[in-house]
Amino acid sequence: MTDWRSKPYSERRGRLLYLRDGGPPAIRPVPVTDSIETALDRVGALGGVRAS
């Protein structure tokens, strides 16, 4: 068994996406971005979210 806690986020996410392949459609990965603008566009419909 591998302890993934010390691995970089990109490796952990990649492994989780690999394990999720073929799983139930109700389980979906959350989109990831380094862009504040993109993140705000994605969650803007939630209201109350703005860049400081």
N, C-alpha and C. Protein backbone atom coordinates (compact mmCIF):
# COMPACT_ATOMS: atom_id res chain seq x y z
N MET A 1 0.84 -1.18 0.00
CA MET A 1 0.00 0.00 0.00
C MET A 1 0.89 1.24 0.00
N THR A 2 0.50 2.24 -0.79
CA THR A 2 1.27 3.47 -0.90
C THR A 2 0.64 4.57 -0.05
N ASP A 3 1.46 5.28 0.70
CA ASP A 3 1.01 6.44 1.46
C ASP A 3 1.16 7.66 0.56
N TRP A 4 0.06 8.19 0.06
CA TRP A 4 0.07 9.28 -0.91
C TRP A 4 0.11 10.65 -0.26
N ARG A 5 0.03 10.73 1.06
CA ARG A 5 -0.06 12.03 1.72
C ARG A 5 1.13 12.94 1.46
N SER A 6 2.31 12.39 1.30
CA SER A 6 3.50 13.22 1.09
C SER A 6 3.74 13.54 -0.39
N LYS A 7 2.96 12.96 -1.27
CA LYS A 7 3.13 13.19 -2.71
C LYS A 7 2.58 14.57 -3.10
N PRO A 8 3.11 15.14 -4.17
CA PRO A 8 2.58 16.42 -4.65
C PRO A 8 1.10 16.28 -5.05
N TYR A 9 0.37 17.39 -4.94
CA TYR A 9 -1.05 17.40 -5.26
C TYR A 9 -1.32 16.82 -6.65
N SER A 10 -0.52 17.20 -7.64
CA SER A 10 -0.77 16.74 -9.01
C SER A 10 -0.70 15.22 -9.11
N GLU A 11 0.22 14.59 -8.39
CA GLU A 11 0.32 13.13 -8.40
C GLU A 11 -0.88 12.50 -7.69
N ARG A 12 -1.27 13.06 -6.55
CA ARG A 12 -2.41 12.52 -5.81
C ARG A 12 -3.69 12.64 -6.64
N ARG A 13 -3.88 13.80 -7.26
CA ARG A 13 -5.08 14.00 -8.08
C ARG A 13 -5.08 13.05 -9.28
N GLY A 14 -3.93 12.92 -9.93
CA GLY A 14 -3.84 12.01 -11.06
C GLY A 14 -4.20 10.58 -10.68
N ARG A 15 -3.73 10.15 -9.53
CA ARG A 15 -4.04 8.79 -9.07
C ARG A 15 -5.53 8.65 -8.77
N LEU A 16 -6.12 9.65 -8.13
CA LEU A 16 -7.55 9.59 -7.84
C LEU A 16 -8.37 9.58 -9.12
N LEU A 17 -7.98 10.37 -10.10
CA LEU A 17 -8.70 10.36 -11.38
C LEU A 17 -8.58 9.00 -12.06
N TYR A 18 -7.41 8.40 -11.98
CA TYR A 18 -7.20 7.07 -12.55
C TYR A 18 -8.12 6.05 -11.86
N LEU A 19 -8.17 6.10 -10.54
CA LEU A 19 -9.00 5.15 -9.78
C LEU A 19 -10.48 5.37 -10.02
N ARG A 20 -10.86 6.61 -10.32
CA ARG A 20 -12.26 6.95 -10.55
C ARG A 20 -12.75 6.49 -11.91
N ASP A 21 -11.86 6.33 -12.89
CA ASP A 21 -12.27 5.91 -14.24
C ASP A 21 -13.15 4.67 -14.17
N GLY A 22 -14.29 4.75 -14.85
CA GLY A 22 -15.20 3.62 -14.89
C GLY A 22 -16.14 3.56 -13.69
N GLY A 23 -15.99 4.51 -12.79
CA GLY A 23 -16.85 4.54 -11.61
C GLY A 23 -18.21 5.12 -11.93
N PRO A 24 -19.08 5.20 -10.93
CA PRO A 24 -20.42 5.74 -11.16
C PRO A 24 -20.38 7.20 -11.62
N PRO A 25 -21.27 7.58 -12.52
CA PRO A 25 -21.26 8.94 -13.05
C PRO A 25 -21.55 10.00 -11.98
N ALA A 26 -22.15 9.62 -10.88
CA ALA A 26 -22.46 10.59 -9.82
C ALA A 26 -21.19 11.07 -9.12
N ILE A 27 -20.10 10.34 -9.25
CA ILE A 27 -18.84 10.74 -8.63
C ILE A 27 -18.00 11.42 -9.71
N ARG A 28 -17.86 12.74 -9.56
CA ARG A 28 -17.14 13.52 -10.57
C ARG A 28 -16.04 14.32 -9.89
N PRO A 29 -14.90 14.45 -10.56
CA PRO A 29 -13.83 15.28 -9.99
C PRO A 29 -14.20 16.76 -10.06
N VAL A 30 -13.74 17.51 -9.11
CA VAL A 30 -13.95 18.95 -9.08
C VAL A 30 -12.93 19.58 -10.03
N PRO A 31 -13.37 20.52 -10.88
CA PRO A 31 -12.42 21.17 -11.79
C PRO A 31 -11.34 21.92 -11.01
N VAL A 32 -10.14 21.97 -11.57
CA VAL A 32 -9.01 22.65 -10.93
C VAL A 32 -8.50 23.74 -11.85
N THR A 33 -8.12 24.87 -11.26
CA THR A 33 -7.53 25.96 -12.02
C THR A 33 -6.58 26.76 -11.14
N ASP A 34 -5.60 27.37 -11.77
CA ASP A 34 -4.70 28.29 -11.07
C ASP A 34 -5.16 29.74 -11.27
N SER A 35 -6.21 29.92 -12.05
CA SER A 35 -6.69 31.25 -12.40
C SER A 35 -7.79 31.71 -11.46
N ILE A 36 -7.58 32.83 -10.79
CA ILE A 36 -8.61 33.37 -9.91
C ILE A 36 -9.86 33.72 -10.72
N GLU A 37 -9.67 34.30 -11.89
CA GLU A 37 -10.81 34.69 -12.73
C GLU A 37 -11.65 33.47 -13.11
N THR A 38 -11.00 32.39 -13.52
CA THR A 38 -11.72 31.17 -13.89
C THR A 38 -12.46 30.61 -12.69
N ALA A 39 -11.80 30.57 -11.54
CA ALA A 39 -12.45 30.05 -10.33
C ALA A 39 -13.67 30.89 -9.97
N LEU A 40 -13.56 32.21 -10.06
CA LEU A 40 -14.70 33.07 -9.74
C LEU A 40 -15.83 32.87 -10.75
N ASP A 41 -15.50 32.65 -12.01
CA ASP A 41 -16.53 32.37 -13.00
C ASP A 41 -17.28 31.09 -12.66
N ARG A 42 -16.56 30.09 -12.19
CA ARG A 42 -17.17 28.79 -11.87
C ARG A 42 -18.07 28.86 -10.65
N VAL A 43 -17.68 29.63 -9.65
CA VAL A 43 -18.46 29.66 -8.41
C VAL A 43 -19.30 30.92 -8.26
N GLY A 44 -19.21 31.82 -9.22
CA GLY A 44 -19.93 33.08 -9.14
C GLY A 44 -21.43 32.91 -8.92
N ALA A 45 -22.00 31.85 -9.47
CA ALA A 45 -23.43 31.61 -9.32
C ALA A 45 -23.80 31.33 -7.87
N LEU A 46 -22.82 31.02 -7.03
CA LEU A 46 -23.10 30.76 -5.62
C LEU A 46 -23.38 32.04 -4.86
N GLY A 47 -22.93 33.16 -5.39
CA GLY A 47 -23.16 34.46 -4.77
C GLY A 47 -22.21 34.71 -3.62
N GLY A 48 -21.91 35.94 -3.38
CA GLY A 48 -21.06 36.32 -2.26
C GLY A 48 -19.60 36.01 -2.43
N VAL A 49 -19.17 35.59 -3.61
CA VAL A 49 -17.78 35.27 -3.84
C VAL A 49 -17.19 36.35 -4.74
N ARG A 50 -16.11 36.96 -4.28
CA ARG A 50 -15.45 37.99 -5.11
C ARG A 50 -13.97 38.04 -4.77
N ALA A 51 -13.20 38.52 -5.71
CA ALA A 51 -11.76 38.67 -5.48
C ALA A 51 -11.52 39.84 -4.55
N SER A 52 -10.50 39.72 -3.70
CA SER A 52 -10.20 40.83 -2.79
C SER A 52 -9.10 41.70 -3.35
